Amino acid sequence: MEQKKRTNPFRKYLGLKNFGSRNGVSEVRIDIFSDLLNFSGNVHGGVIASLVDMSIGNAVHPNLNKNQYSTTVELKLNYLKPLTGTEIIAKSYLLHKGKTLLVGKSDIFNDKGQLVATGSATFMILNKENSKS
C-alpha cells in the first residue's frame, strides 16, 4: 500500500498503524491514549466509527485502479461492550465489489481479543477524471 500518499493528519493523530491490506482484507491498530476516551474512561464511539471507516477503506483501496478513488456513502455500527485497554484492533474485509459500490465489514477487538464492536460500510467508486469541477 502506498503509505505516504494515504497519510493524512487525522489518521496520524489517531496513530493508525496499518498491518497490511491484501485481497480485500485489512488489519489496522490504534494504541489507546487519553484523548480517545469519553467522560466514562472508555474509548469514544466516534473513534470506533472512524476506525471502522478507515479500516474498511484500507480493504477497498487495493481494489481500485489508478484512475479511481472512493468515498464512504453509508456506515453502520453495533457497539457490543465498552472499549478499554491499551490497543484497538480492526479486522476488515470486503463483502461485495460491484461496478460502482464496494461493501465491507469490520470487527473491532480490544487488546484481550474480545469483540467490542462490529460495523459495515459502503464505498462508492469514483473516477478522478470526472471529479474536476
C-alpha atoms as a PDB file:
ATOM      1  CA  MET A   1       0.000   0.000   0.000  1.00  0.00           C
ATOM      2  CA  GLU A   2       1.194   3.493  -0.782  1.00  0.00           C
ATOM      3  CA  GLN A   3       1.516   4.585   2.846  1.00  0.00           C
ATOM      4  CA  LYS A   4       2.888   8.093   2.234  1.00  0.00           C
ATOM      5  CA  LYS A   5       0.126   9.003  -0.220  1.00  0.00           C
ATOM      6  CA  ARG A   6      -2.575   7.673   2.137  1.00  0.00           C
ATOM      7  CA  THR A   7      -1.426   9.542   5.240  1.00  0.00           C
ATOM      8  CA  ASN A   8      -3.495  12.454   6.497  1.00  0.00           C
ATOM      9  CA  PRO A   9      -3.444  14.453   9.741  1.00  0.00           C
ATOM     10  CA  PHE A  10      -6.461  12.673  11.256  1.00  0.00           C
ATOM     11  CA  ARG A  11      -5.001   9.197  10.674  1.00  0.00           C
ATOM     12  CA  LYS A  12      -1.702  10.462  12.083  1.00  0.00           C
ATOM     13  CA  TYR A  13      -3.383  11.985  15.150  1.00  0.00           C
ATOM     14  CA  LEU A  14      -5.166   8.703  15.921  1.00  0.00           C
ATOM     15  CA  GLY A  15      -1.876   6.840  15.489  1.00  0.00           C
ATOM     16  CA  LEU A  16      -3.353   4.425  12.969  1.00  0.00           C
ATOM     17  CA  LYS A  17      -0.957   1.549  12.295  1.00  0.00           C
ATOM     18  CA  ASN A  18      -1.507  -0.487   9.134  1.00  0.00           C
ATOM     19  CA  PHE A  19      -0.685  -4.162   9.322  1.00  0.00           C
ATOM     20  CA  GLY A  20      -1.373  -4.867   5.695  1.00  0.00           C
ATOM     21  CA  SER A  21      -4.128  -4.966   3.159  1.00  0.00           C
ATOM     22  CA  ARG A  22      -4.336  -7.819   0.667  1.00  0.00           C
ATOM     23  CA  ASN A  23      -7.098  -9.398  -1.346  1.00  0.00           C
ATOM     24  CA  GLY A  24      -9.756  -7.216   0.252  1.00  0.00           C
ATOM     25  CA  VAL A  25      -8.618  -7.936   3.837  1.00  0.00           C
ATOM     26  CA  SER A  26      -7.155  -5.283   6.150  1.00  0.00           C
ATOM     27  CA  GLU A  27      -5.921  -5.114   9.735  1.00  0.00           C
ATOM     28  CA  VAL A  28      -5.249  -1.805  11.480  1.00  0.00           C
ATOM     29  CA  ARG A  29      -4.484  -0.909  15.082  1.00  0.00           C
ATOM     30  CA  ILE A  30      -4.530   2.133  17.325  1.00  0.00           C
ATOM     31  CA  ASP A  31      -2.765   2.493  20.675  1.00  0.00           C
ATOM     32  CA  ILE A  32      -5.286   3.956  23.128  1.00  0.00           C
ATOM     33  CA  PHE A  33      -4.323   7.325  24.641  1.00  0.00           C
ATOM     34  CA  SER A  34      -6.253   9.724  26.870  1.00  0.00           C
ATOM     35  CA  ASP A  35      -7.575  11.972  24.067  1.00  0.00           C
ATOM     36  CA  LEU A  36      -9.523   8.986  22.675  1.00  0.00           C
ATOM     37  CA  LEU A  37     -11.520   8.419  25.864  1.00  0.00           C
ATOM     38  CA  ASN A  38     -15.011   9.664  26.684  1.00  0.00           C
ATOM     39  CA  PHE A  39     -16.110  11.016  30.081  1.00  0.00           C
ATOM     40  CA  SER A  40     -16.574   7.433  31.363  1.00  0.00           C
ATOM     41  CA  GLY A  41     -12.992   6.440  30.561  1.00  0.00           C
ATOM     42  CA  ASN A  42     -13.943   4.230  27.609  1.00  0.00           C
ATOM     43  CA  VAL A  43     -12.842   4.752  24.009  1.00  0.00           C
ATOM     44  CA  HIS A  44     -15.227   7.264  22.423  1.00  0.00           C
ATOM     45  CA  GLY A  45     -17.724   5.770  19.980  1.00  0.00           C
ATOM     46  CA  GLY A  46     -16.629   8.239  17.315  1.00  0.00           C
ATOM     47  CA  VAL A  47     -13.109   6.816  17.442  1.00  0.00           C
ATOM     48  CA  ILE A  48     -14.504   3.328  16.875  1.00  0.00           C
ATOM     49  CA  ALA A  49     -16.654   4.598  13.995  1.00  0.00           C
ATOM     50  CA  SER A  50     -13.623   6.281  12.437  1.00  0.00           C
ATOM     51  CA  LEU A  51     -11.605   3.093  12.774  1.00  0.00           C
ATOM     52  CA  VAL A  52     -14.352   1.046  11.081  1.00  0.00           C
ATOM     53  CA  ASP A  53     -14.469   3.562   8.225  1.00  0.00           C
ATOM     54  CA  MET A  54     -10.694   3.757   7.774  1.00  0.00           C
ATOM     55  CA  SER A  55     -10.041   0.026   8.106  1.00  0.00           C
ATOM     56  CA  ILE A  56     -12.673  -0.872   5.517  1.00  0.00           C
ATOM     57  CA  GLY A  57     -11.246   1.923   3.367  1.00  0.00           C
ATOM     58  CA  ASN A  58      -7.879   0.175   3.601  1.00  0.00           C
ATOM     59  CA  ALA A  59      -9.511  -3.017   2.299  1.00  0.00           C
ATOM     60  CA  VAL A  60     -11.209  -1.062  -0.505  1.00  0.00           C
ATOM     61  CA  HIS A  61      -8.163   0.884  -1.707  1.00  0.00           C
ATOM     62  CA  PRO A  62      -6.197  -2.003  -3.326  1.00  0.00           C
ATOM     63  CA  ASN A  63      -9.309  -2.873  -5.373  1.00  0.00           C
ATOM     64  CA  LEU A  64      -9.288   0.469  -7.179  1.00  0.00           C
ATOM     65  CA  ASN A  65      -7.321   1.257 -10.303  1.00  0.00           C
ATOM     66  CA  LYS A  66      -5.030   4.282 -10.575  1.00  0.00           C
ATOM     67  CA  ASN A  67      -7.831   6.422 -12.068  1.00  0.00           C
ATOM     68  CA  GLN A  68     -10.295   5.710  -9.269  1.00  0.00           C
ATOM     69  CA  TYR A  69     -10.879   6.771  -5.699  1.00  0.00           C
ATOM     70  CA  SER A  70     -13.663   6.019  -3.236  1.00  0.00           C
ATOM     71  CA  THR A  71     -15.809   7.754  -0.693  1.00  0.00           C
ATOM     72  CA  THR A  72     -17.951   6.412   2.132  1.00  0.00           C
ATOM     73  CA  VAL A  73     -21.676   6.623   1.407  1.00  0.00           C
ATOM     74  CA  GLU A  74     -23.002   4.534   4.324  1.00  0.00           C
ATOM     75  CA  LEU A  75     -21.689   3.434   7.722  1.00  0.00           C
ATOM     76  CA  LYS A  76     -23.373   1.215  10.316  1.00  0.00           C
ATOM     77  CA  LEU A  77     -22.098   0.171  13.734  1.00  0.00           C
ATOM     78  CA  ASN A  78     -23.095  -2.030  16.606  1.00  0.00           C
ATOM     79  CA  TYR A  79     -21.313  -1.295  19.875  1.00  0.00           C
ATOM     80  CA  LEU A  80     -21.238  -4.524  21.881  1.00  0.00           C
ATOM     81  CA  LYS A  81     -19.329  -3.550  25.022  1.00  0.00           C
ATOM     82  CA  PRO A  82     -17.251  -0.643  26.356  1.00  0.00           C
ATOM     83  CA  LEU A  83     -13.750  -0.488  24.911  1.00  0.00           C
ATOM     84  CA  THR A  84     -10.905  -0.114  27.389  1.00  0.00           C
ATOM     85  CA  GLY A  85      -7.312  -1.305  27.473  1.00  0.00           C
ATOM     86  CA  THR A  86      -4.175  -0.367  25.586  1.00  0.00           C
ATOM     87  CA  GLU A  87      -4.974  -1.107  21.950  1.00  0.00           C
ATOM     88  CA  ILE A  88      -7.828  -1.269  19.419  1.00  0.00           C
ATOM     89  CA  ILE A  89      -7.626  -3.833  16.619  1.00  0.00           C
ATOM     90  CA  ALA A  90      -9.797  -3.683  13.497  1.00  0.00           C
ATOM     91  CA  LYS A  91     -10.035  -6.660  11.177  1.00  0.00           C
ATOM     92  CA  SER A  92     -11.858  -5.769   7.985  1.00  0.00           C
ATOM     93  CA  TYR A  93     -12.731  -7.392   4.702  1.00  0.00           C
ATOM     94  CA  LEU A  94     -14.785  -6.814   1.591  1.00  0.00           C
ATOM     95  CA  LEU A  95     -18.189  -8.459   1.291  1.00  0.00           C
ATOM     96  CA  HIS A  96     -19.022  -7.215  -2.206  1.00  0.00           C
ATOM     97  CA  LYS A  97     -17.388  -5.404  -5.110  1.00  0.00           C
ATOM     98  CA  GLY A  98     -19.649  -4.111  -7.840  1.00  0.00           C
ATOM     99  CA  LYS A  99     -19.154  -1.633 -10.668  1.00  0.00           C
ATOM    100  CA  THR A 100     -19.868   1.410  -8.513  1.00  0.00           C
ATOM    101  CA  LEU A 101     -20.125   0.186  -4.910  1.00  0.00           C
ATOM    102  CA  LEU A 102     -17.973  -1.804  -2.510  1.00  0.00           C
ATOM    103  CA  VAL A 103     -19.307  -3.113   0.804  1.00  0.00           C
ATOM    104  CA  GLY A 104     -17.053  -4.102   3.689  1.00  0.00           C
ATOM    105  CA  LYS A 105     -17.292  -5.403   7.227  1.00  0.00           C
ATOM    106  CA  SER A 106     -15.090  -4.615  10.211  1.00  0.00           C
ATOM    107  CA  ASP A 107     -14.804  -6.323  13.584  1.00  0.00           C
ATOM    108  CA  ILE A 108     -13.269  -4.296  16.419  1.00  0.00           C
ATOM    109  CA  PHE A 109     -11.375  -6.069  19.205  1.00  0.00           C
ATOM    110  CA  ASN A 110      -9.803  -4.956  22.465  1.00  0.00           C
ATOM    111  CA  ASP A 111      -6.273  -5.939  23.487  1.00  0.00           C
ATOM    112  CA  LYS A 112      -7.647  -9.155  25.055  1.00  0.00           C
ATOM    113  CA  GLY A 113      -9.073 -10.286  21.719  1.00  0.00           C
ATOM    114  CA  GLN A 114     -12.689  -9.649  22.769  1.00  0.00           C
ATOM    115  CA  LEU A 115     -15.123  -8.419  20.120  1.00  0.00           C
ATOM    116  CA  VAL A 116     -16.326  -4.980  21.247  1.00  0.00           C
ATOM    117  CA  ALA A 117     -17.974  -3.627  18.094  1.00  0.00           C
ATOM    118  CA  THR A 118     -18.829  -4.604  14.560  1.00  0.00           C
ATOM    119  CA  GLY A 119     -19.692  -2.469  11.594  1.00  0.00           C
ATOM    120  CA  SER A 120     -20.142  -2.249   7.879  1.00  0.00           C
ATOM    121  CA  ALA A 121     -19.592   0.461   5.312  1.00  0.00           C
ATOM    122  CA  THR A 122     -20.456   1.079   1.692  1.00  0.00           C
ATOM    123  CA  PHE A 123     -17.992   2.947  -0.518  1.00  0.00           C
ATOM    124  CA  MET A 124     -18.757   4.482  -3.899  1.00  0.00           C
ATOM    125  CA  ILE A 125     -16.160   4.171  -6.651  1.00  0.00           C
ATOM    126  CA  LEU A 126     -15.472   7.487  -8.381  1.00  0.00           C
ATOM    127  CA  ASN A 127     -13.260   8.377 -11.339  1.00  0.00           C
ATOM    128  CA  LYS A 128     -10.557  11.004 -10.860  1.00  0.00           C
ATOM    129  CA  GLU A 129     -11.111  12.426 -14.373  1.00  0.00           C
ATOM    130  CA  ASN A 130     -14.770  13.169 -13.632  1.00  0.00           C
ATOM    131  CA  SER A 131     -14.119  14.804 -10.245  1.00  0.00           C
ATOM    132  CA  LYS A 132     -12.760  18.100 -11.607  1.00  0.00           C
ATOM    133  CA  SER A 133     -15.397  20.792 -11.396  1.00  0.00           C
END
